[in-house]
PDB file of all heavy atoms in Angstrom:
ATOM      1  N   ALA A   1     143.994  99.722 126.652  1.00  0.00           N
ATOM      2  CA  ALA A   1     144.967  98.710 126.223  1.00  0.00           C
ATOM      3  C   ALA A   1     146.016  99.328 125.300  1.00  0.00           C
ATOM      4  O   ALA A   1     147.220  99.074 125.451  1.00  0.00           O
ATOM      5  CB  ALA A   1     144.254  97.559 125.524  1.00  0.00           C
ATOM      6  N   ALA A   2     145.553 100.154 124.357  1.00  0.00           N
ATOM      7  CA  ALA A   2     146.489 100.781 123.425  1.00  0.00           C
ATOM      8  C   ALA A   2     147.431 101.734 124.151  1.00  0.00           C
ATOM      9  O   ALA A   2     148.648 101.764 123.872  1.00  0.00           O
ATOM     10  CB  ALA A   2     145.706 101.540 122.349  1.00  0.00           C
ATOM     11  N   LYS A   3     146.900 102.481 125.095  1.00  0.00           N
ATOM     12  CA  LYS A   3     147.712 103.446 125.849  1.00  0.00           C
ATOM     13  C   LYS A   3     148.777 102.745 126.694  1.00  0.00           C
ATOM     14  O   LYS A   3     149.964 103.113 126.658  1.00  0.00           O
ATOM     15  CB  LYS A   3     146.794 104.287 126.740  1.00  0.00           C
ATOM     16  CG  LYS A   3     147.529 105.307 127.606  1.00  0.00           C
ATOM     17  CD  LYS A   3     146.544 106.054 128.491  1.00  0.00           C
ATOM     18  CE  LYS A   3     147.265 106.998 129.465  1.00  0.00           C
ATOM     19  NZ  LYS A   3     146.302 107.698 130.353  1.00  0.00           N
ATOM     20  N   VAL A   4     148.357 101.726 127.442  1.00  0.00           N
ATOM     21  CA  VAL A   4     149.300 101.013 128.312  1.00  0.00           C
ATOM     22  C   VAL A   4     150.344 100.266 127.479  1.00  0.00           C
ATOM     23  O   VAL A   4     151.527 100.258 127.812  1.00  0.00           O
ATOM     24  CB  VAL A   4     148.539 100.044 129.251  1.00  0.00           C
ATOM     25  CG1 VAL A   4     149.525  99.199 130.066  1.00  0.00           C
ATOM     26  CG2 VAL A   4     147.625 100.816 130.183  1.00  0.00           C
ATOM     27  N   ALA A   5     149.901  99.642 126.391  1.00  0.00           N
ATOM     28  CA  ALA A   5     150.837  98.911 125.531  1.00  0.00           C
ATOM     29  C   ALA A   5     151.864  99.852 124.904  1.00  0.00           C
ATOM     30  O   ALA A   5     153.044  99.502 124.784  1.00  0.00           O
ATOM     31  CB  ALA A   5     150.072  98.170 124.442  1.00  0.00           C
ATOM     32  N   ALA A   6     151.407 101.050 124.518  1.00  0.00           N
ATOM     33  CA  ALA A   6     152.337 102.025 123.937  1.00  0.00           C
ATOM     34  C   ALA A   6     153.386 102.450 124.953  1.00  0.00           C
ATOM     35  O   ALA A   6     154.579 102.567 124.631  1.00  0.00           O
ATOM     36  CB  ALA A   6     151.567 103.237 123.423  1.00  0.00           C
ATOM     37  N   ASN A   7     152.966 102.671 126.206  1.00  0.00           N
ATOM     38  CA  ASN A   7     153.921 103.033 127.264  1.00  0.00           C
ATOM     39  C   ASN A   7     154.902 101.898 127.535  1.00  0.00           C
ATOM     40  O   ASN A   7     156.102 102.118 127.715  1.00  0.00           O
ATOM     41  CB  ASN A   7     153.170 103.387 128.550  1.00  0.00           C
ATOM     42  CG  ASN A   7     152.427 104.711 128.442  1.00  0.00           C
ATOM     43  OD1 ASN A   7     152.811 105.580 127.656  1.00  0.00           O
ATOM     44  ND2 ASN A   7     151.375 104.869 129.213  1.00  0.00           N
ATOM     45  N   ALA A   8     154.369 100.664 127.573  1.00  0.00           N
ATOM     46  CA  ALA A   8     155.239  99.504 127.799  1.00  0.00           C
ATOM     47  C   ALA A   8     156.234  99.357 126.652  1.00  0.00           C
ATOM     48  O   ALA A   8     157.419  99.041 126.871  1.00  0.00           O
ATOM     49  CB  ALA A   8     154.389  98.244 127.935  1.00  0.00           C
ATOM     50  N   LYS A   9     155.759  99.585 125.456  1.00  0.00           N
ATOM     51  CA  LYS A   9     156.618  99.472 124.273  1.00  0.00           C
ATOM     52  C   LYS A   9     157.763 100.467 124.335  1.00  0.00           C
ATOM     53  O   LYS A   9     158.924 100.122 124.047  1.00  0.00           O
ATOM     54  CB  LYS A   9     155.758  99.712 123.023  1.00  0.00           C
ATOM     55  CG  LYS A   9     156.493  99.634 121.698  1.00  0.00           C
ATOM     56  CD  LYS A   9     155.554 100.010 120.553  1.00  0.00           C
ATOM     57  CE  LYS A   9     155.170 101.480 120.659  1.00  0.00           C
ATOM     58  NZ  LYS A   9     154.313 101.916 119.548  1.00  0.00           N
ATOM     59  N   ARG A  10     157.464 101.705 124.745  1.00  0.00           N
ATOM     60  CA  ARG A  10     158.514 102.718 124.857  1.00  0.00           C
ATOM     61  C   ARG A  10     159.513 102.347 125.952  1.00  0.00           C
ATOM     62  O   ARG A  10     160.727 102.493 125.783  1.00  0.00           O
ATOM     63  CB  ARG A  10     157.889 104.086 125.139  1.00  0.00           C
ATOM     64  CG  ARG A  10     157.281 104.746 123.924  1.00  0.00           C
ATOM     65  CD  ARG A  10     156.953 106.204 124.190  1.00  0.00           C
ATOM     66  NE  ARG A  10     155.857 106.338 125.161  1.00  0.00           N
ATOM     67  CZ  ARG A  10     154.573 106.368 124.818  1.00  0.00           C
ATOM     68  NH1 ARG A  10     154.207 106.257 123.556  1.00  0.00           N
ATOM     69  NH2 ARG A  10     153.634 106.504 125.754  1.00  0.00           N
ATOM     70  N   GLY A  11     158.988 101.863 127.096  1.00  0.00           N
ATOM     71  CA  GLY A  11     159.879 101.455 128.178  1.00  0.00           C
ATOM     72  C   GLY A  11     160.775 100.307 127.762  1.00  0.00           C
ATOM     73  O   GLY A  11     161.961 100.275 128.100  1.00  0.00           O
ATOM     74  N   ALA A  12     160.205  99.356 127.019  1.00  0.00           N
ATOM     75  CA  ALA A  12     160.996  98.219 126.548  1.00  0.00           C
ATOM     76  C   ALA A  12     162.061  98.657 125.555  1.00  0.00           C
ATOM     77  O   ALA A  12     163.194  98.157 125.567  1.00  0.00           O
ATOM     78  CB  ALA A  12     160.072  97.178 125.914  1.00  0.00           C
ATOM     79  N   GLU A  13     161.709  99.612 124.696  1.00  0.00           N
ATOM     80  CA  GLU A  13     162.677 100.103 123.699  1.00  0.00           C
ATOM     81  C   GLU A  13     163.845 100.803 124.392  1.00  0.00           C
ATOM     82  O   GLU A  13     165.008 100.623 124.008  1.00  0.00           O
ATOM     83  CB  GLU A  13     161.978 101.052 122.735  1.00  0.00           C
ATOM     84  CG  GLU A  13     162.848 101.481 121.559  1.00  0.00           C
ATOM     85  CD  GLU A  13     162.076 102.304 120.551  1.00  0.00           C
ATOM     86  OE1 GLU A  13     161.014 102.869 120.921  1.00  0.00           O
ATOM     87  OE2 GLU A  13     162.529 102.386 119.404  1.00  0.00           O
ATOM     88  N   GLU A  14     163.544 101.597 125.420  1.00  0.00           N
ATOM     89  CA  GLU A  14     164.603 102.296 126.155  1.00  0.00           C
ATOM     90  C   GLU A  14     165.562 101.325 126.829  1.00  0.00           C
ATOM     91  O   GLU A  14     166.752 101.602 126.973  1.00  0.00           O
ATOM     92  CB  GLU A  14     163.974 103.215 127.212  1.00  0.00           C
ATOM     93  CG  GLU A  14     163.248 104.415 126.624  1.00  0.00           C
ATOM     94  CD  GLU A  14     162.439 105.167 127.677  1.00  0.00           C
ATOM     95  OE1 GLU A  14     162.486 104.737 128.864  1.00  0.00           O
ATOM     96  OE2 GLU A  14     161.781 106.163 127.333  1.00  0.00           O
ATOM     97  N   GLN A  15     165.043 100.162 127.232  1.00  0.00           N
ATOM     98  CA  GLN A  15     165.851  99.187 127.954  1.00  0.00           C
ATOM     99  C   GLN A  15     166.341  98.048 127.066  1.00  0.00           C
ATOM    100  O   GLN A  15     166.965  97.105 127.551  1.00  0.00           O
ATOM    101  CB  GLN A  15     165.031  98.596 129.108  1.00  0.00           C
ATOM    102  CG  GLN A  15     164.555  99.626 130.110  1.00  0.00           C
ATOM    103  CD  GLN A  15     163.648  99.011 131.156  1.00  0.00           C
ATOM    104  OE1 GLN A  15     163.947  97.965 131.702  1.00  0.00           O
ATOM    105  NE2 GLN A  15     162.532  99.668 131.438  1.00  0.00           N
ATOM    106  N   ALA A  16     166.055  98.137 125.771  1.00  0.00           N
ATOM    107  CA  ALA A  16     166.451  97.105 124.807  1.00  0.00           C
ATOM    108  C   ALA A  16     165.861  95.741 125.153  1.00  0.00           C
ATOM    109  O   ALA A  16     166.481  94.703 124.921  1.00  0.00           O
ATOM    110  CB  ALA A  16     167.976  97.007 124.714  1.00  0.00           C
ATOM    111  N   LEU A  17     164.644  95.725 125.702  1.00  0.00           N
ATOM    112  CA  LEU A  17     163.947  94.476 126.008  1.00  0.00           C
ATOM    113  C   LEU A  17     163.104  94.110 124.787  1.00  0.00           C
ATOM    114  O   LEU A  17     161.923  94.467 124.687  1.00  0.00           O
ATOM    115  CB  LEU A  17     163.074  94.642 127.250  1.00  0.00           C
ATOM    116  CG  LEU A  17     163.805  95.041 128.536  1.00  0.00           C
ATOM    117  CD1 LEU A  17     162.819  95.340 129.653  1.00  0.00           C
ATOM    118  CD2 LEU A  17     164.777  93.951 128.963  1.00  0.00           C
ATOM    119  N   VAL A  18     163.721  93.426 123.843  1.00  0.00           N
ATOM    120  CA  VAL A  18     163.101  93.272 122.524  1.00  0.00           C
ATOM    121  C   VAL A  18     161.830  92.429 122.565  1.00  0.00           C
ATOM    122  O   VAL A  18     160.887  92.689 121.815  1.00  0.00           O
ATOM    123  CB  VAL A  18     164.109  92.686 121.514  1.00  0.00           C
ATOM    124  CG1 VAL A  18     165.195  93.677 121.194  1.00  0.00           C
ATOM    125  CG2 VAL A  18     164.713  91.390 122.030  1.00  0.00           C
ATOM    126  N   SER A  19     161.773  91.401 123.408  1.00  0.00           N
ATOM    127  CA  SER A  19     160.570  90.566 123.463  1.00  0.00           C
ATOM    128  C   SER A  19     159.364  91.391 123.909  1.00  0.00           C
ATOM    129  O   SER A  19     158.286  91.313 123.304  1.00  0.00           O
ATOM    130  CB  SER A  19     160.786  89.404 124.426  1.00  0.00           C
ATOM    131  OG  SER A  19     161.774  88.526 123.949  1.00  0.00           O
ATOM    132  N   PHE A  20     159.543  92.181 124.958  1.00  0.00           N
ATOM    133  CA  PHE A  20     158.456  93.031 125.433  1.00  0.00           C
ATOM    134  C   PHE A  20     158.100  94.099 124.402  1.00  0.00           C
ATOM    135  O   PHE A  20     156.935  94.473 124.256  1.00  0.00           O
ATOM    136  CB  PHE A  20     158.838  93.685 126.761  1.00  0.00           C
ATOM    137  CG  PHE A  20     158.908  92.729 127.927  1.00  0.00           C
ATOM    138  CD1 PHE A  20     159.758  92.978 128.983  1.00  0.00           C
ATOM    139  CD2 PHE A  20     158.118  91.602 127.961  1.00  0.00           C
ATOM    140  CE1 PHE A  20     159.823  92.106 130.065  1.00  0.00           C
ATOM    141  CE2 PHE A  20     158.168  90.710 129.026  1.00  0.00           C
ATOM    142  CZ  PHE A  20     159.026  90.973 130.092  1.00  0.00           C
ATOM    143  N   HIS A  21     159.107  94.603 123.698  1.00  0.00           N
ATOM    144  CA  HIS A  21     158.850  95.622 122.675  1.00  0.00           C
ATOM    145  C   HIS A  21     157.967  95.055 121.567  1.00  0.00           C
ATOM    146  O   HIS A  21     156.980  95.677 121.154  1.00  0.00           O
ATOM    147  CB  HIS A  21     160.176  96.126 122.101  1.00  0.00           C
ATOM    148  CG  HIS A  21     160.010  97.220 121.106  1.00  0.00           C
ATOM    149  ND1 HIS A  21     160.220  97.042 119.755  1.00  0.00           N
ATOM    150  CD2 HIS A  21     159.634  98.512 121.242  1.00  0.00           C
ATOM    151  CE1 HIS A  21     159.987  98.172 119.111  1.00  0.00           C
ATOM    152  NE2 HIS A  21     159.632  99.077 119.994  1.00  0.00           N
ATOM    153  N   MET A  22     158.302  93.847 121.101  1.00  0.00           N
ATOM    154  CA  MET A  22     157.509  93.219 120.036  1.00  0.00           C
ATOM    155  C   MET A  22     156.093  92.918 120.518  1.00  0.00           C
ATOM    156  O   MET A  22     155.113  93.154 119.799  1.00  0.00           O
ATOM    157  CB  MET A  22     158.190  91.916 119.585  1.00  0.00           C
ATOM    158  CG  MET A  22     159.544  92.100 118.934  1.00  0.00           C
ATOM    159  SD  MET A  22     159.420  92.956 117.347  1.00  0.00           S
ATOM    160  CE  MET A  22     161.141  92.945 116.826  1.00  0.00           C
ATOM    161  N   TYR A  23     155.988  92.406 121.731  1.00  0.00           N
ATOM    162  CA  TYR A  23     154.667  92.063 122.264  1.00  0.00           C
ATOM    163  C   TYR A  23     153.832  93.328 122.469  1.00  0.00           C
ATOM    164  O   TYR A  23     152.619  93.346 122.188  1.00  0.00           O
ATOM    165  CB  TYR A  23     154.831  91.304 123.574  1.00  0.00           C
ATOM    166  CG  TYR A  23     153.631  90.482 123.989  1.00  0.00           C
ATOM    167  CD1 TYR A  23     152.607  90.162 123.091  1.00  0.00           C
ATOM    168  CD2 TYR A  23     153.519  90.011 125.295  1.00  0.00           C
ATOM    169  CE1 TYR A  23     151.520  89.404 123.480  1.00  0.00           C
ATOM    170  CE2 TYR A  23     152.431  89.242 125.695  1.00  0.00           C
ATOM    171  CZ  TYR A  23     151.437  88.945 124.788  1.00  0.00           C
ATOM    172  OH  TYR A  23     150.355  88.187 125.175  1.00  0.00           O
ATOM    173  N   GLY A  24     154.473  94.388 122.935  1.00  0.00           N
ATOM    174  CA  GLY A  24     153.771  95.657 123.104  1.00  0.00           C
ATOM    175  C   GLY A  24     153.216  96.173 121.782  1.00  0.00           C
ATOM    176  O   GLY A  24     152.078  96.673 121.719  1.00  0.00           O
ATOM    177  N   GLN A  25     154.009  96.051 120.711  1.00  0.00           N
ATOM    178  CA  GLN A  25     153.533  96.466 119.391  1.00  0.00           C
ATOM    179  C   GLN A  25     152.312  95.652 118.970  1.00  0.00           C
ATOM    180  O   GLN A  25     151.328  96.200 118.452  1.00  0.00           O
ATOM    181  CB  GLN A  25     154.655  96.280 118.363  1.00  0.00           C
ATOM    182  CG  GLN A  25     155.760  97.322 118.448  1.00  0.00           C
ATOM    183  CD  GLN A  25     156.820  97.096 117.386  1.00  0.00           C
ATOM    184  OE1 GLN A  25     157.212  95.964 117.120  1.00  0.00           O
ATOM    185  NE2 GLN A  25     157.288  98.170 116.780  1.00  0.00           N
ATOM    186  N   ALA A  26     152.377  94.332 119.186  1.00  0.00           N
ATOM    187  CA  ALA A  26     151.277  93.463 118.767  1.00  0.00           C
ATOM    188  C   ALA A  26     150.004  93.763 119.554  1.00  0.00           C
ATOM    189  O   ALA A  26     148.901  93.787 118.990  1.00  0.00           O
ATOM    190  CB  ALA A  26     151.683  92.004 118.946  1.00  0.00           C
ATOM    191  N   ILE A  27     150.147  93.988 120.868  1.00  0.00           N
ATOM    192  CA  ILE A  27     148.967  94.293 121.694  1.00  0.00           C
ATOM    193  C   ILE A  27     148.360  95.627 121.282  1.00  0.00           C
ATOM    194  O   ILE A  27     147.129  95.757 121.150  1.00  0.00           O
ATOM    195  CB  ILE A  27     149.348  94.318 123.188  1.00  0.00           C
ATOM    196  CG1 ILE A  27     149.808  92.935 123.652  1.00  0.00           C
ATOM    197  CG2 ILE A  27     148.163  94.782 124.034  1.00  0.00           C
ATOM    198  CD1 ILE A  27     150.476  92.939 125.013  1.00  0.00           C
ATOM    199  N   GLU A  28     149.204  96.634 121.077  1.00  0.00           N
ATOM    200  CA  GLU A  28     148.688  97.939 120.648  1.00  0.00           C
ATOM    201  C   GLU A  28     147.995  97.832 119.298  1.00  0.00           C
ATOM    202  O   GLU A  28     146.936  98.452 119.072  1.00  0.00           O
ATOM    203  CB  GLU A  28     149.828  98.961 120.579  1.00  0.00           C
ATOM    204  CG  GLU A  28     149.323 100.367 120.312  1.00  0.00           C
ATOM    205  CD  GLU A  28     150.432 101.404 120.195  1.00  0.00           C
ATOM    206  OE1 GLU A  28     151.619 101.047 120.402  1.00  0.00           O
ATOM    207  OE2 GLU A  28     150.109 102.575 119.879  1.00  0.00           O
ATOM    208  N   ALA A  29     148.557  97.028 118.400  1.00  0.00           N
ATOM    209  CA  ALA A  29     147.926  96.833 117.089  1.00  0.00           C
ATOM    210  C   ALA A  29     146.550  96.199 117.243  1.00  0.00           C
ATOM    211  O   ALA A  29     145.572  96.626 116.604  1.00  0.00           O
ATOM    212  CB  ALA A  29     148.816  95.953 116.208  1.00  0.00           C
ATOM    213  N   ALA A  30     146.455  95.176 118.121  1.00  0.00           N
ATOM    214  CA  ALA A  30     145.168  94.505 118.331  1.00  0.00           C
ATOM    215  C   ALA A  30     144.136  95.453 118.926  1.00  0.00           C
ATOM    216  O   ALA A  30     142.937  95.373 118.594  1.00  0.00           O
ATOM    217  CB  ALA A  30     145.375  93.304 119.254  1.00  0.00           C
ATOM    218  N   ALA A  31     144.576  96.365 119.790  1.00  0.00           N
ATOM    219  CA  ALA A  31     143.649  97.334 120.375  1.00  0.00           C
ATOM    220  C   ALA A  31     143.228  98.377 119.343  1.00  0.00           C
ATOM    221  O   ALA A  31     142.049  98.749 119.248  1.00  0.00           O
ATOM    222  CB  ALA A  31     144.302  98.013 121.575  1.00  0.00           C
ATOM    223  N   ARG A  32     144.186  98.834 118.545  1.00  0.00           N
ATOM    224  CA  ARG A  32     143.886  99.904 117.571  1.00  0.00           C
ATOM    225  C   ARG A  32     142.958  99.414 116.456  1.00  0.00           C
ATOM    226  O   ARG A  32     142.129 100.178 115.963  1.00  0.00           O
ATOM    227  CB  ARG A  32     145.179 100.459 116.987  1.00  0.00           C
ATOM    228  CG  ARG A  32     145.953 101.320 117.979  1.00  0.00           C
ATOM    229  CD  ARG A  32     147.060 102.116 117.327  1.00  0.00           C
ATOM    230  NE  ARG A  32     147.707 102.983 118.297  1.00  0.00           N
ATOM    231  CZ  ARG A  32     147.243 104.150 118.705  1.00  0.00           C
ATOM    232  NH1 ARG A  32     146.090 104.591 118.207  1.00  0.00           N
ATOM    233  NH2 ARG A  32     147.893 104.869 119.587  1.00  0.00           N
ATOM    234  N   VAL A  33     143.092  98.167 116.054  1.00  0.00           N
ATOM    235  CA  VAL A  33     142.217  97.684 114.983  1.00  0.00           C
ATOM    236  C   VAL A  33     140.771  97.622 115.478  1.00  0.00           C
ATOM    237  O   VAL A  33     139.822  97.856 114.703  1.00  0.00           O
ATOM    238  CB  VAL A  33     142.686  96.298 114.465  1.00  0.00           C
ATOM    239  CG1 VAL A  33     142.325  95.170 115.438  1.00  0.00           C
ATOM    240  CG2 VAL A  33     142.099  96.009 113.093  1.00  0.00           C
ATOM    241  N   GLU A  34     140.575  97.363 116.769  1.00  0.00           N
ATOM    242  CA  GLU A  34     139.223  97.364 117.337  1.00  0.00           C
ATOM    243  C   GLU A  34     138.683  98.783 117.486  1.00  0.00           C
ATOM    244  O   GLU A  34     137.467  98.988 117.521  1.00  0.00           O
ATOM    245  CB  GLU A  34     139.225  96.669 118.702  1.00  0.00           C
ATOM    246  CG  GLU A  34     139.628  95.196 118.673  1.00  0.00           C
ATOM    247  CD  GLU A  34     138.640  94.347 117.899  1.00  0.00           C
ATOM    248  OE1 GLU A  34     137.471  94.783 117.727  1.00  0.00           O
ATOM    249  OE2 GLU A  34     139.023  93.254 117.453  1.00  0.00           O
ATOM    250  N   MET A  35     139.594  99.760 117.562  1.00  0.00           N
ATOM    251  CA  MET A  35     139.186 101.164 117.674  1.00  0.00           C
ATOM    252  C   MET A  35     138.947 101.795 116.304  1.00  0.00           C
ATOM    253  O   MET A  35     138.561 102.957 116.213  1.00  0.00           O
ATOM    254  CB  MET A  35     140.269 101.955 118.417  1.00  0.00           C
ATOM    255  CG  MET A  35     140.442 101.534 119.876  1.00  0.00           C
ATOM    256  SD  MET A  35     142.017 102.116 120.575  1.00  0.00           S
ATOM    257  CE  MET A  35     141.836 103.898 120.417  1.00  0.00           C
ATOM    258  N   GLY A  36     139.223 101.029 115.241  1.00  0.00           N
ATOM    259  CA  GLY A  36     139.010 101.534 113.890  1.00  0.00           C
ATOM    260  C   GLY A  36     140.220 102.172 113.246  1.00  0.00           C
ATOM    261  O   GLY A  36     140.141 102.654 112.114  1.00  0.00           O
ATOM    262  N   ASP A  37     141.353 102.162 113.934  1.00  0.00           N
ATOM    263  CA  ASP A  37     142.583 102.749 113.383  1.00  0.00           C
ATOM    264  C   ASP A  37     143.316 101.676 112.576  1.00  0.00           C
ATOM    265  O   ASP A  37     144.319 101.103 113.008  1.00  0.00           O
ATOM    266  CB  ASP A  37     143.470 103.272 114.523  1.00  0.00           C
ATOM    267  CG  ASP A  37     144.739 103.938 114.017  1.00  0.00           C
ATOM    268  OD1 ASP A  37     144.903 104.095 112.786  1.00  0.00           O
ATOM    269  OD2 ASP A  37     145.606 104.291 114.863  1.00  0.00           O
ATOM    270  N   THR A  38     142.818 101.396 111.378  1.00  0.00           N
ATOM    271  CA  THR A  38     143.377 100.302 110.585  1.00  0.00           C
ATOM    272  C   THR A  38     144.795 100.597 110.111  1.00  0.00           C
ATOM    273  O   THR A  38     145.631  99.698 110.043  1.00  0.00           O
ATOM    274  CB  THR A  38     142.483 100.020 109.361  1.00  0.00           C
ATOM    275  OG1 THR A  38     142.331 101.222 108.593  1.00  0.00           O
ATOM    276  CG2 THR A  38     141.124  99.506 109.796  1.00  0.00           C
ATOM    277  N   HIS A  39     145.083 101.861 109.797  1.00  0.00           N
ATOM    278  CA  HIS A  39     146.415 102.203 109.302  1.00  0.00           C
ATOM    279  C   HIS A  39     147.469 102.003 110.399  1.00  0.00           C
ATOM    280  O   HIS A  39     148.493 101.333 110.194  1.00  0.00           O
ATOM    281  CB  HIS A  39     146.434 103.649 108.815  1.00  0.00           C
ATOM    282  CG  HIS A  39     147.787 104.103 108.354  1.00  0.00           C
ATOM    283  ND1 HIS A  39     148.405 103.587 107.227  1.00  0.00           N
ATOM    284  CD2 HIS A  39     148.668 105.014 108.887  1.00  0.00           C
ATOM    285  CE1 HIS A  39     149.591 104.157 107.080  1.00  0.00           C
ATOM    286  NE2 HIS A  39     149.771 105.018 108.071  1.00  0.00           N
ATOM    287  N   GLY A  40     147.186 102.576 111.577  1.00  0.00           N
ATOM    288  CA  GLY A  40     148.137 102.424 112.686  1.00  0.00           C
ATOM    289  C   GLY A  40     148.287 100.971 113.092  1.00  0.00           C
ATOM    290  O   GLY A  40     149.393 100.503 113.394  1.00  0.00           O
ATOM    291  N   ALA A  41     147.181 100.231 113.106  1.00  0.00           N
ATOM    292  CA  ALA A  41     147.226  98.820 113.485  1.00  0.00           C
ATOM    293  C   ALA A  41     148.066  98.015 112.498  1.00  0.00           C
ATOM    294  O   ALA A  41     148.852  97.144 112.895  1.00  0.00           O
ATOM    295  CB  ALA A  41     145.811  98.257 113.558  1.00  0.00           C
ATOM    296  N   THR A  42     147.914  98.319 111.202  1.00  0.00           N
ATOM    297  CA  THR A  42     148.681  97.593 110.178  1.00  0.00           C
ATOM    298  C   THR A  42     150.174  97.842 110.337  1.00  0.00           C
ATOM    299  O   THR A  42     150.989  96.913 110.254  1.00  0.00           O
ATOM    300  CB  THR A  42     148.224  98.024 108.776  1.00  0.00           C
ATOM    301  OG1 THR A  42     146.832  97.740 108.631  1.00  0.00           O
ATOM    302  CG2 THR A  42     149.008  97.296 107.701  1.00  0.00           C
ATOM    303  N   LEU A  43     150.547  99.095 110.562  1.00  0.00           N
ATOM    304  CA  LEU A  43     151.964  99.418 110.729  1.00  0.00           C
ATOM    305  C   LEU A  43     152.556  98.704 111.947  1.00  0.00           C
ATOM    306  O   LEU A  43     153.656  98.135 111.882  1.00  0.00           O
ATOM    307  CB  LEU A  43     152.141 100.930 110.868  1.00  0.00           C
ATOM    308  CG  LEU A  43     151.879 101.772 109.619  1.00  0.00           C
ATOM    309  CD1 LEU A  43     151.989 103.262 109.947  1.00  0.00           C
ATOM    310  CD2 LEU A  43     152.870 101.413 108.514  1.00  0.00           C
ATOM    311  N   LEU A  44     151.821  98.718 113.052  1.00  0.00           N
ATOM    312  CA  LEU A  44     152.316  98.099 114.281  1.00  0.00           C
ATOM    313  C   LEU A  44     152.419  96.576 114.133  1.00  0.00           C
ATOM    314  O   LEU A  44     153.405  95.965 114.564  1.00  0.00           O
ATOM    315  CB  LEU A  44     151.394  98.443 115.452  1.00  0.00           C
ATOM    316  CG  LEU A  44     151.492  99.877 115.975  1.00  0.00           C
ATOM    317  CD1 LEU A  44     150.283 100.211 116.841  1.00  0.00           C
ATOM    318  CD2 LEU A  44     152.779 100.054 116.784  1.00  0.00           C
TER     319      LEU A  44
END
């Protein structure tokens, strides 16, 4: 989930698709907090 969301987030940023970019950040954050990466999840 974190990997796919990160790729989607980058693709959205390149295309200026802000809604997808924000959602991609939130999904990656939700995946990272479950993986124990609290710092990365908080930033995202």
